[in-house]
Amino acid sequence: MTTNDMRDFLETGVIDAGRMRAVEGNAVALGYPSLLMMESAGRAVADAVLARNPSRVLVLCGRGNNGGDGMVAARYLQHLDAVDVVYPDCGSTTASAAVQASLLRHCSVTLHPVRCAADVEALSRLFDGADVIVDAMLGTGASGAVREPLASLVARVNASGAPVVAVDIPTPGIRASRIVSFHRPKVEGADVADIGIPLEAEIFTGPGDLTLIPSRRSEAHKGAGGEVLVVGGGPYQGAPYIAAMGALRAGADIVRVASPAYVPMPDLIYERLEGKAITVDHLETILPLVDRADVVVCGMGLGKESHDVVLAVAEAAEKAIFDADALSRPLPAAKETIYTPHAGEFARMTGAEPPAGPVARGRCVKAAATTGTILLKGPVDVISDGSRVRFNRTGTPAMTAGGTGDLLAGIAGALFCHLPAFEAACIAAYVNGRAGMLAAEGRGSGLLATDMPDYIPETLFRPPASD
C-alpha cells in the first residue's frame, strides 16, 4: 500500500471545526507539531497579503491559534514599510499563540495591545492608513456574539476602505475580500492553502479523533452518560457481558444485559430471560427495554436460532449495533445502525468475501454500507458509512483471543449514545485497538479480552499530551 493508493479516500469540500481539530490532532500524533502547522499557515496568509503589493499592513489578532497564524504572517511581512499588530491584552492565550507573540517582540513590527473600545478608537489612524487588513481574530472554534474589544475592531474594519484577508474563516460580522483556509475550506468560497498535513492524518483514525467526544457537564446526573442494552447470550454465555463491560468502561452510565445466561457482575443490570436461548417469546420483556435504551447492542453469543428476535429488535430500536450472530440475512437495520463484522461475517452479510488489500477492501466496504455504518474488523480495520472511508491500525496480533470483538461492540455502543454512527465506529476501533496494545504489553499472546476493559478509559479520557 502506498499513500498514492489512498488518495481516493480523502474527503473534499468544506470541513467543520470538530473534524479539522481531529485531523490536526492526528497530524501532531504523526510527528507534525502544531507550531510547524501554524508556521505554514501564517506564511500562506503572508503570501496572500503580498500579492496585493502593500506598504502598510494592519494585522488584527485574537488570543487563539487563529491569532497565532496572524502573528506568523506579521513576522513574514516585517520587511514592509509598516506592519502594525493589534491584539487583546486580556485573558489567556493558547500556548502556540504565546510563542508567536514572544517572537514578534523581536521583529520589526509595532504591537498595540487593546483592552476596550476606547483603546480601539485611539488606533483609528491605523485602519485609515492600511493597504491591507488581516483578520486573524476568531477562528473556527468561535461561538456566540463577538465581544469587546473585538467588536469595535470589527466595526472599524467595516468602516475602512482597505481590503481584508481573513485567516481560515472571517470573524463574525466582518467583511472579507479574501478568505485563506488551511488544508480544506471552512466556508464556501475560501481559497485553500496546503500546509503539509500528512494524508494519513485524515484517512486513518488517531488520538485527534478523541476530541470529537463531548465533555461530561459539571451538572450531569445519573444516566447522562447514556443507557445501553445488550441483547445476547444463550449458546455462548460470556460474550454479552464482555460487550457490556466495554460499554461501561467507555462511559455509559447504565448498561443492561438481557440474556438467558447469568454472569454475576455487580456493575451491570441483569434482565433475566428464561430458557437456554432467546426466542420471540422473550420479546414482551425485551422490547420495553429497547424503548428505554439510547443504544442497543445485539448479537454476541446469541446463536443462529434467534434471528427473528434480532429483526424485531432492529425494527424497534432508534440506534443499534449488530455483531456476531446478528449479522445474517435478512440484515437487521435500526433507524441508525452500526455493523461490526469480521471477514467471515462480512461475507455472510453481503455474499462476498472482502478483498485482501486495504484499498480494495475500503472500496468494498464503502459499496456495502447501504443501510448503516460498517466497521470491518481486521489487521487494519475499515470503517465506512457508504460515503466516507476511514482506516484504523491500532491493535495487536494478541487480540485474536475470543471476546475482543464483543468488547469493541460495547465500546461503540457507549460512544453511539452521544456521537453519529460513523464517528462512534471510528473512535471505537481506535480505542479498542489501543486498549489491546496496552493490555498486551504485560501479557503478550496470553492476552484475554477481560484484560482490556481497564485500559479503555485510559485511552478515551486521559487528556492528550501537548506537543
Protein backbone atom coordinates (compact mmCIF):
# COMPACT_ATOMS: atom_id res chain seq x y z
CA MET A 1 0.00 0.00 0.00
CA THR A 2 1.33 3.44 -0.94
CA THR A 3 -0.03 6.83 0.00
CA ASN A 4 -0.92 7.41 -3.66
CA ASP A 5 -3.26 4.43 -3.46
CA MET A 6 -5.10 6.02 -0.53
CA ARG A 7 -5.90 9.38 -2.12
CA ASP A 8 -9.30 8.07 -3.20
CA PHE A 9 -10.37 8.15 0.44
CA LEU A 10 -9.57 11.80 1.10
CA GLU A 11 -12.69 13.82 1.78
CA THR A 12 -13.27 17.05 -0.11
CA GLY A 13 -15.25 20.24 0.34
CA VAL A 14 -15.95 22.27 3.47
CA ILE A 15 -14.67 20.73 6.71
CA ASP A 16 -16.24 21.58 10.06
CA ALA A 17 -14.31 22.75 13.10
CA GLY A 18 -14.55 19.47 15.00
CA ARG A 19 -13.27 17.37 12.15
CA MET A 20 -10.43 19.81 11.49
CA ARG A 21 -9.34 19.62 15.14
CA ALA A 22 -9.30 15.84 14.83
CA VAL A 23 -7.16 15.95 11.68
CA GLU A 24 -4.73 18.39 13.30
CA GLY A 25 -4.52 16.20 16.42
CA ASN A 26 -3.77 13.17 14.28
CA ALA A 27 -1.08 15.14 12.43
CA VAL A 28 0.55 16.04 15.75
CA ALA A 29 0.50 12.37 16.75
CA LEU A 30 2.22 11.50 13.47
CA GLY A 31 5.03 13.94 14.33
CA TYR A 32 3.90 17.19 12.69
CA PRO A 33 3.94 19.77 15.52
CA SER A 34 1.20 22.38 15.82
CA LEU A 35 3.80 25.18 15.76
CA LEU A 36 5.00 23.96 12.38
CA MET A 37 1.42 23.87 11.09
CA MET A 38 0.97 27.43 12.36
CA GLU A 39 4.17 28.48 10.60
CA SER A 40 2.93 27.09 7.29
CA ALA A 41 -0.49 28.71 7.74
CA GLY A 42 0.96 32.13 8.60
CA ARG A 43 3.31 32.00 5.62
CA ALA A 44 0.34 31.29 3.33
CA VAL A 45 -1.50 34.31 4.74
CA ALA A 46 1.56 36.50 4.22
CA ASP A 47 1.77 35.35 0.59
CA ALA A 48 -1.89 36.32 0.07
CA VAL A 49 -1.20 39.77 1.53
CA LEU A 50 1.96 40.29 -0.53
CA ALA A 51 0.01 39.52 -3.71
CA ARG A 52 -1.64 42.95 -3.22
CA ASN A 53 1.74 44.77 -3.11
CA PRO A 54 1.02 46.67 0.13
CA SER A 55 3.28 49.08 2.00
CA ARG A 56 1.29 49.25 5.24
CA VAL A 57 -0.44 46.22 6.74
CA LEU A 58 -2.64 46.02 9.82
CA VAL A 59 -2.90 42.57 11.44
CA LEU A 60 -5.73 42.01 13.94
CA CYS A 61 -5.10 39.00 16.18
CA GLY A 62 -7.16 37.11 18.73
CA ARG A 63 -5.96 35.03 21.67
CA GLY A 64 -6.26 31.63 20.00
CA ASN A 65 -4.38 29.77 17.31
CA ASN A 66 -6.08 31.89 14.63
CA GLY A 67 -4.34 34.87 16.21
CA GLY A 68 -1.11 32.88 16.21
CA ASP A 69 -1.46 32.39 12.44
CA GLY A 70 -1.80 36.16 12.08
CA MET A 71 1.31 36.77 14.16
CA VAL A 72 3.32 34.42 11.96
CA ALA A 73 2.05 36.33 8.92
CA ALA A 74 3.18 39.59 10.52
CA ARG A 75 6.66 38.17 11.02
CA TYR A 76 6.87 37.32 7.30
CA LEU A 77 5.69 40.83 6.43
CA GLN A 78 8.14 42.72 8.65
CA HIS A 79 10.18 43.93 5.66
CA LEU A 80 7.32 46.22 4.57
CA ASP A 81 7.19 49.93 5.41
CA ALA A 82 4.82 49.40 8.34
CA VAL A 83 3.29 46.36 10.00
CA ASP A 84 1.01 47.01 12.98
CA VAL A 85 -0.31 44.15 15.09
CA VAL A 86 -3.36 44.76 17.30
CA TYR A 87 -4.29 42.14 19.89
CA PRO A 88 -6.46 41.94 23.03
CA ASP A 89 -4.47 42.48 26.21
CA CYS A 90 -6.84 40.47 28.38
CA GLY A 91 -7.43 36.79 29.04
CA SER A 92 -5.18 33.85 28.38
CA THR A 93 -3.76 32.76 25.03
CA THR A 94 -3.06 29.33 23.64
CA ALA A 95 0.48 28.06 24.13
CA SER A 96 1.24 28.26 20.39
CA ALA A 97 -0.09 31.84 20.11
CA ALA A 98 2.02 32.83 23.13
CA VAL A 99 5.14 31.56 21.36
CA GLN A 100 4.32 33.64 18.29
CA ALA A 101 3.64 36.75 20.38
CA SER A 102 7.02 36.34 22.04
CA LEU A 103 8.76 36.10 18.66
CA LEU A 104 7.04 39.25 17.39
CA ARG A 105 8.72 41.28 20.14
CA HIS A 106 11.99 40.67 18.30
CA CYS A 107 10.62 41.70 14.89
CA SER A 108 10.27 44.97 13.02
CA VAL A 109 6.58 45.31 13.77
CA THR A 110 4.62 47.59 16.10
CA LEU A 111 2.48 45.93 18.75
CA HIS A 112 -0.74 47.53 20.00
CA PRO A 113 -2.47 45.82 22.94
CA VAL A 114 -6.13 46.81 23.41
CA ARG A 115 -8.48 46.20 26.31
CA CYS A 116 -11.64 48.15 25.45
CA ALA A 117 -13.46 50.08 22.73
CA ALA A 118 -11.67 53.31 23.66
CA ASP A 119 -8.29 51.67 23.01
CA VAL A 120 -9.51 50.66 19.55
CA GLU A 121 -10.78 54.16 18.79
CA ALA A 122 -7.35 55.57 19.63
CA LEU A 123 -5.90 53.45 16.80
CA SER A 124 -8.28 54.69 14.08
CA ARG A 125 -5.36 56.09 12.04
CA LEU A 126 -4.05 52.52 11.54
CA PHE A 127 -7.30 51.47 9.87
CA ASP A 128 -7.40 54.61 7.71
CA GLY A 129 -3.79 54.16 6.54
CA ALA A 130 -3.69 50.39 5.96
CA ASP A 131 -3.29 48.99 2.44
CA VAL A 132 -4.42 45.56 3.65
CA ILE A 133 -6.04 44.39 6.89
CA VAL A 134 -5.56 40.82 8.10
CA ASP A 135 -8.45 39.38 10.15
CA ALA A 136 -6.96 36.75 12.49
CA MET A 137 -9.25 37.43 15.43
CA LEU A 138 -11.55 34.44 15.76
CA GLY A 139 -11.09 31.03 14.17
CA THR A 140 -13.33 28.03 13.57
CA GLY A 141 -13.82 27.37 17.29
CA ALA A 142 -15.51 30.72 17.95
CA SER A 143 -19.13 30.78 19.12
CA GLY A 144 -21.59 33.39 20.32
CA ALA A 145 -21.55 37.14 19.83
CA VAL A 146 -18.26 38.94 19.27
CA ARG A 147 -17.31 40.78 22.46
CA GLU A 148 -15.14 43.83 23.15
CA PRO A 149 -12.57 44.81 22.17
CA LEU A 150 -13.03 42.60 19.10
CA ALA A 151 -16.49 44.01 18.37
CA SER A 152 -15.01 47.50 18.00
CA LEU A 153 -12.24 46.12 15.80
CA VAL A 154 -14.86 44.55 13.51
CA ALA A 155 -16.73 47.87 13.29
CA ARG A 156 -13.55 49.79 12.45
CA VAL A 157 -12.60 47.27 9.73
CA ASN A 158 -16.02 47.54 8.12
CA ALA A 159 -15.80 51.35 8.15
CA SER A 160 -12.41 51.33 6.44
CA GLY A 161 -11.85 51.01 2.72
CA ALA A 162 -8.96 48.55 2.96
CA PRO A 163 -9.21 45.04 1.51
CA VAL A 164 -9.47 42.35 4.21
CA VAL A 165 -7.71 38.98 4.13
CA ALA A 166 -9.45 36.64 6.60
CA VAL A 167 -7.50 33.83 8.21
CA ASP A 168 -9.27 30.45 7.82
CA ILE A 169 -12.75 31.92 8.44
CA PRO A 170 -13.93 35.53 8.77
CA THR A 171 -14.65 36.84 12.24
CA PRO A 172 -18.48 37.02 12.56
CA GLY A 173 -19.81 40.28 11.10
CA ILE A 174 -16.63 41.31 9.33
CA ARG A 175 -16.43 41.90 5.59
CA ALA A 176 -13.70 39.87 3.90
CA SER A 177 -12.21 40.45 0.45
CA ARG A 178 -10.45 37.09 0.53
CA ILE A 179 -10.51 34.09 2.84
CA VAL A 180 -7.42 31.89 3.13
CA SER A 181 -8.29 28.48 4.64
CA PHE A 182 -5.81 25.78 5.50
CA HIS A 183 -5.90 22.13 4.38
CA ARG A 184 -9.60 22.34 3.40
CA PRO A 185 -12.11 25.21 3.19
CA LYS A 186 -14.01 26.06 6.37
CA VAL A 187 -16.56 28.13 4.43
CA GLU A 188 -17.68 28.20 0.82
CA GLY A 189 -15.64 30.48 -1.40
CA ALA A 190 -12.40 30.24 0.57
CA ASP A 191 -9.04 29.84 -1.13
CA VAL A 192 -7.25 26.77 0.23
CA ALA A 193 -3.59 26.72 1.21
CA ASP A 194 -1.90 23.34 1.64
CA ILE A 195 0.01 23.43 4.94
CA GLY A 196 1.55 19.97 4.61
CA ILE A 197 -0.75 17.89 6.83
CA PRO A 198 0.08 14.20 6.17
CA LEU A 199 -2.56 12.32 4.21
CA GLU A 200 -2.79 9.65 6.90
CA ALA A 201 -3.87 12.23 9.49
CA GLU A 202 -7.20 12.37 7.66
CA ILE A 203 -7.84 8.84 6.45
CA PHE A 204 -6.57 6.91 9.50
CA THR A 205 -8.02 7.15 12.98
CA GLY A 206 -5.84 8.63 15.68
CA PRO A 207 -5.88 10.38 19.05
CA GLY A 208 -7.16 13.54 17.38
CA ASP A 209 -10.49 11.78 16.82
CA LEU A 210 -10.99 11.66 20.58
CA THR A 211 -11.54 15.43 20.55
CA LEU A 212 -14.95 14.73 18.99
CA ILE A 213 -16.21 13.14 22.21
CA PRO A 214 -18.39 15.64 24.10
CA SER A 215 -17.26 16.53 27.62
CA ARG A 216 -19.39 15.49 30.58
CA ARG A 217 -21.02 18.61 32.01
CA SER A 218 -20.47 19.53 35.65
CA GLU A 219 -24.23 19.35 36.30
CA ALA A 220 -24.52 15.87 34.74
CA HIS A 221 -26.83 13.45 36.55
CA LYS A 222 -27.13 9.67 36.63
CA GLY A 223 -27.86 8.42 33.16
CA ALA A 224 -26.30 11.41 31.36
CA GLY A 225 -23.60 9.09 30.04
CA GLY A 226 -26.23 7.08 28.21
CA GLU A 227 -28.10 3.80 28.65
CA VAL A 228 -27.04 0.75 26.66
CA LEU A 229 -28.97 -2.51 26.33
CA VAL A 230 -27.01 -5.63 25.38
CA VAL A 231 -29.08 -8.49 23.96
CA GLY A 232 -27.21 -11.76 23.58
CA GLY A 233 -26.05 -14.99 25.10
CA GLY A 234 -27.55 -18.41 25.22
CA PRO A 235 -25.20 -20.81 23.44
CA TYR A 236 -22.27 -18.60 24.49
CA GLN A 237 -22.52 -17.12 27.96
CA GLY A 238 -19.69 -14.64 28.40
CA ALA A 239 -19.89 -12.64 25.15
CA PRO A 240 -22.71 -10.21 26.09
CA TYR A 241 -21.04 -9.46 29.43
CA ILE A 242 -17.74 -8.60 27.79
CA ALA A 243 -19.63 -6.23 25.47
CA ALA A 244 -21.45 -4.75 28.46
CA MET A 245 -18.19 -4.09 30.33
CA GLY A 246 -16.85 -2.38 27.21
CA ALA A 247 -19.87 -0.05 27.22
CA LEU A 248 -19.44 0.77 30.91
CA ARG A 249 -15.73 1.47 30.60
CA ALA A 250 -16.38 3.65 27.54
CA GLY A 251 -18.62 5.94 29.58
CA ALA A 252 -22.18 4.56 29.50
CA ASP A 253 -23.84 5.14 32.88
CA ILE A 254 -26.39 2.32 32.77
CA VAL A 255 -25.84 -0.99 30.99
CA ARG A 256 -28.43 -3.78 30.99
CA VAL A 257 -27.84 -7.33 29.78
CA ALA A 258 -30.86 -9.23 28.54
CA SER A 259 -29.78 -12.87 28.32
CA PRO A 260 -30.65 -16.42 29.32
CA ALA A 261 -27.14 -16.66 30.78
CA TYR A 262 -26.26 -15.00 34.09
CA VAL A 263 -22.72 -13.95 34.90
CA PRO A 264 -22.57 -12.11 38.24
CA MET A 265 -21.19 -8.60 37.67
CA PRO A 266 -22.39 -6.02 40.20
CA ASP A 267 -21.91 -3.04 37.85
CA LEU A 268 -24.37 -4.46 35.31
CA ILE A 269 -28.14 -4.78 35.46
CA TYR A 270 -29.23 -8.28 34.55
CA GLU A 271 -32.58 -8.74 32.78
CA ARG A 272 -33.43 -12.41 33.09
CA LEU A 273 -34.68 -14.30 30.02
CA GLU A 274 -35.86 -17.80 30.93
CA GLY A 275 -34.64 -20.81 28.95
CA LYS A 276 -31.45 -21.64 27.09
CA ALA A 277 -31.84 -19.38 24.06
CA ILE A 278 -33.57 -16.10 23.19
CA THR A 279 -36.84 -16.61 21.33
CA VAL A 280 -39.77 -14.47 20.16
CA ASP A 281 -41.48 -15.35 23.44
CA HIS A 282 -38.97 -13.05 25.14
CA LEU A 283 -39.91 -10.01 23.07
CA GLU A 284 -42.50 -8.97 25.64
CA THR A 285 -39.59 -8.45 28.04
CA ILE A 286 -37.01 -7.20 25.54
CA LEU A 287 -38.95 -4.57 23.57
CA PRO A 288 -39.74 -2.29 26.56
CA LEU A 289 -36.01 -2.36 27.36
CA VAL A 290 -35.25 -1.40 23.76
CA ASP A 291 -37.61 1.56 24.06
CA ARG A 292 -35.79 2.98 27.10
CA ALA A 293 -32.24 2.39 25.85
CA ASP A 294 -30.25 5.01 23.97
CA VAL A 295 -28.42 2.26 22.06
CA VAL A 296 -28.98 -1.49 21.68
CA VAL A 297 -26.02 -3.82 21.15
CA CYS A 298 -27.21 -7.15 19.81
CA GLY A 299 -25.86 -10.50 18.64
CA MET A 300 -22.94 -11.55 20.87
CA GLY A 301 -23.22 -15.23 21.84
CA LEU A 302 -26.77 -15.33 20.51
CA GLY A 303 -26.57 -18.41 18.32
CA LYS A 304 -28.23 -18.81 14.94
CA GLU A 305 -31.77 -19.61 16.12
CA SER A 306 -32.75 -16.13 17.29
CA HIS A 307 -32.77 -14.09 14.09
CA ASP A 308 -36.48 -13.27 14.31
CA VAL A 309 -35.72 -11.62 17.65
CA VAL A 310 -32.87 -9.65 16.09
CA LEU A 311 -35.18 -8.35 13.34
CA ALA A 312 -37.82 -7.33 15.89
CA VAL A 313 -35.21 -5.51 17.98
CA ALA A 314 -33.94 -3.71 14.88
CA GLU A 315 -37.43 -2.56 13.94
CA ALA A 316 -37.99 -1.10 17.42
CA ALA A 317 -34.57 0.48 18.03
CA GLU A 318 -33.58 4.06 17.30
CA LYS A 319 -29.86 3.19 17.39
CA ALA A 320 -28.40 -0.30 17.28
CA ILE A 321 -25.12 -2.14 16.85
CA PHE A 322 -25.28 -5.61 15.35
CA ASP A 323 -22.43 -8.08 15.76
CA ALA A 324 -21.68 -11.79 15.53
CA ASP A 325 -24.78 -13.97 15.06
CA ALA A 326 -27.00 -10.96 14.33
CA LEU A 327 -25.12 -10.47 11.05
CA SER A 328 -27.23 -12.77 8.90
CA ARG A 329 -29.69 -12.21 6.10
CA PRO A 330 -32.16 -10.60 6.11
CA LEU A 331 -29.87 -7.97 7.56
CA PRO A 332 -31.33 -6.12 10.56
CA ALA A 333 -31.49 -2.33 10.30
CA ALA A 334 -32.50 0.10 13.02
CA LYS A 335 -33.16 3.77 12.31
CA GLU A 336 -29.37 4.28 12.78
CA THR A 337 -27.15 1.22 12.59
CA ILE A 338 -23.55 0.11 13.04
CA TYR A 339 -22.43 -3.34 11.90
CA THR A 340 -19.19 -4.80 13.30
CA PRO A 341 -18.32 -7.90 11.24
CA HIS A 342 -15.08 -9.79 10.85
CA ALA A 343 -14.28 -11.05 7.34
CA GLY A 344 -16.40 -14.18 7.60
CA GLU A 345 -19.40 -12.28 8.96
CA PHE A 346 -18.99 -9.66 6.24
CA ALA A 347 -19.23 -12.42 3.65
CA ARG A 348 -22.38 -13.72 5.36
CA MET A 349 -23.86 -10.21 5.33
CA THR A 350 -23.01 -9.35 1.75
CA GLY A 351 -22.49 -12.64 -0.06
CA ALA A 352 -18.87 -11.79 -0.93
CA GLU A 353 -15.53 -12.13 0.83
CA PRO A 354 -13.78 -8.78 1.39
CA PRO A 355 -10.61 -8.30 -0.71
CA ALA A 356 -7.21 -8.59 0.94
CA GLY A 357 -5.64 -5.23 0.07
CA PRO A 358 -6.62 -2.15 2.11
CA VAL A 359 -7.57 -0.03 -0.90
CA ALA A 360 -9.79 -2.66 -2.48
CA ARG A 361 -11.13 -3.51 0.97
CA GLY A 362 -12.02 0.13 1.58
CA ARG A 363 -13.89 0.36 -1.71
CA CYS A 364 -15.70 -2.90 -0.99
CA VAL A 365 -16.86 -1.82 2.48
CA LYS A 366 -17.98 1.57 1.13
CA ALA A 367 -20.09 -0.15 -1.54
CA ALA A 368 -21.64 -2.49 1.04
CA ALA A 369 -22.59 0.22 3.56
CA THR A 370 -26.06 0.92 2.20
CA THR A 371 -28.15 0.52 5.38
CA GLY A 372 -25.72 1.77 8.01
CA THR A 373 -22.10 2.14 9.01
CA ILE A 374 -19.87 -0.94 8.64
CA LEU A 375 -16.79 -1.50 10.81
CA LEU A 376 -14.96 -4.39 9.17
CA LYS A 377 -12.53 -5.81 11.73
CA GLY A 378 -9.09 -6.99 10.68
CA PRO A 379 -5.36 -6.28 11.00
CA VAL A 380 -6.36 -2.88 9.59
CA ASP A 381 -9.98 -2.07 10.39
CA VAL A 382 -12.08 -0.42 7.68
CA ILE A 383 -14.99 1.86 8.55
CA SER A 384 -17.47 3.30 6.06
CA ASP A 385 -20.93 4.85 6.05
CA GLY A 386 -21.26 4.49 2.28
CA SER A 387 -19.84 7.96 1.73
CA ARG A 388 -16.70 8.24 3.85
CA VAL A 389 -13.99 5.63 4.48
CA ARG A 390 -11.61 5.55 7.41
CA PHE A 391 -8.91 3.05 8.41
CA ASN A 392 -7.69 2.04 11.85
CA ARG A 393 -4.38 0.32 12.51
CA THR A 394 -4.32 0.16 16.31
CA GLY A 395 -4.33 -3.35 17.71
CA THR A 396 -2.05 -6.33 18.15
CA PRO A 397 -1.96 -9.95 16.92
CA ALA A 398 -2.62 -10.92 20.55
CA MET A 399 -6.19 -9.65 20.06
CA THR A 400 -7.12 -12.80 18.16
CA ALA A 401 -8.36 -14.06 21.54
CA GLY A 402 -12.13 -14.53 21.71
CA GLY A 403 -14.15 -11.64 23.09
CA THR A 404 -12.15 -8.68 21.78
CA GLY A 405 -14.76 -8.08 19.07
CA ASP A 406 -17.53 -8.20 21.67
CA LEU A 407 -15.66 -5.55 23.64
CA LEU A 408 -15.44 -3.39 20.51
CA ALA A 409 -19.22 -3.56 20.02
CA GLY A 410 -19.76 -2.44 23.61
CA ILE A 411 -17.35 0.49 23.29
CA ALA A 412 -19.14 1.56 20.11
CA GLY A 413 -22.46 1.31 21.95
CA ALA A 414 -21.38 3.79 24.62
CA LEU A 415 -19.97 6.24 22.07
CA PHE A 416 -23.05 5.92 19.86
CA CYS A 417 -25.10 7.38 22.72
CA HIS A 418 -23.50 10.78 22.01
CA LEU A 419 -21.93 10.62 18.54
CA PRO A 420 -23.10 9.91 14.99
CA ALA A 421 -22.67 6.30 13.85
CA PHE A 422 -19.59 6.82 11.67
CA GLU A 423 -17.66 8.80 14.29
CA ALA A 424 -18.64 6.35 17.05
CA ALA A 425 -17.42 3.40 14.97
CA CYS A 426 -14.12 5.08 14.06
CA ILE A 427 -13.32 6.03 17.65
CA ALA A 428 -14.38 2.62 18.96
CA ALA A 429 -12.00 0.87 16.57
CA TYR A 430 -9.13 3.13 17.64
CA VAL A 431 -9.84 2.78 21.37
CA ASN A 432 -10.35 -0.99 21.29
CA GLY A 433 -7.06 -1.44 19.44
CA ARG A 434 -5.17 0.87 21.81
CA ALA A 435 -6.61 -0.91 24.85
CA GLY A 436 -5.46 -4.21 23.39
CA MET A 437 -1.97 -2.85 22.76
CA LEU A 438 -1.67 -1.54 26.31
CA ALA A 439 -3.01 -4.73 27.86
CA ALA A 440 -0.69 -6.88 25.72
CA GLU A 441 2.41 -5.07 26.97
CA GLY A 442 2.42 -7.24 30.07
CA ARG A 443 0.67 -10.32 28.70
CA GLY A 444 1.77 -10.88 25.12
CA SER A 445 -0.04 -13.73 23.43
CA GLY A 446 -1.67 -14.60 26.75
CA LEU A 447 -3.95 -11.58 26.41
CA LEU A 448 -7.60 -12.10 27.36
CA ALA A 449 -10.47 -9.87 26.35
CA THR A 450 -11.17 -9.35 30.04
CA ASP A 451 -7.68 -7.85 30.45
CA MET A 452 -8.63 -4.95 28.19
CA PRO A 453 -11.53 -3.02 29.80
CA ASP A 454 -9.36 -1.24 32.37
CA TYR A 455 -7.36 0.31 29.52
CA ILE A 456 -10.41 1.73 27.73
CA PRO A 457 -10.86 4.82 29.96
CA GLU A 458 -7.09 5.34 29.97
CA THR A 459 -7.27 5.72 26.19
CA LEU A 460 -10.59 7.54 25.95
CA PHE A 461 -10.47 10.02 28.78
CA ARG A 462 -6.83 10.79 29.54
CA PRO A 463 -6.01 14.34 28.36
CA PRO A 464 -3.87 14.23 25.18
CA ALA A 465 -0.21 15.12 25.55
CA SER A 466 0.63 18.55 24.14
CA ASP A 467 3.35 18.93 21.52
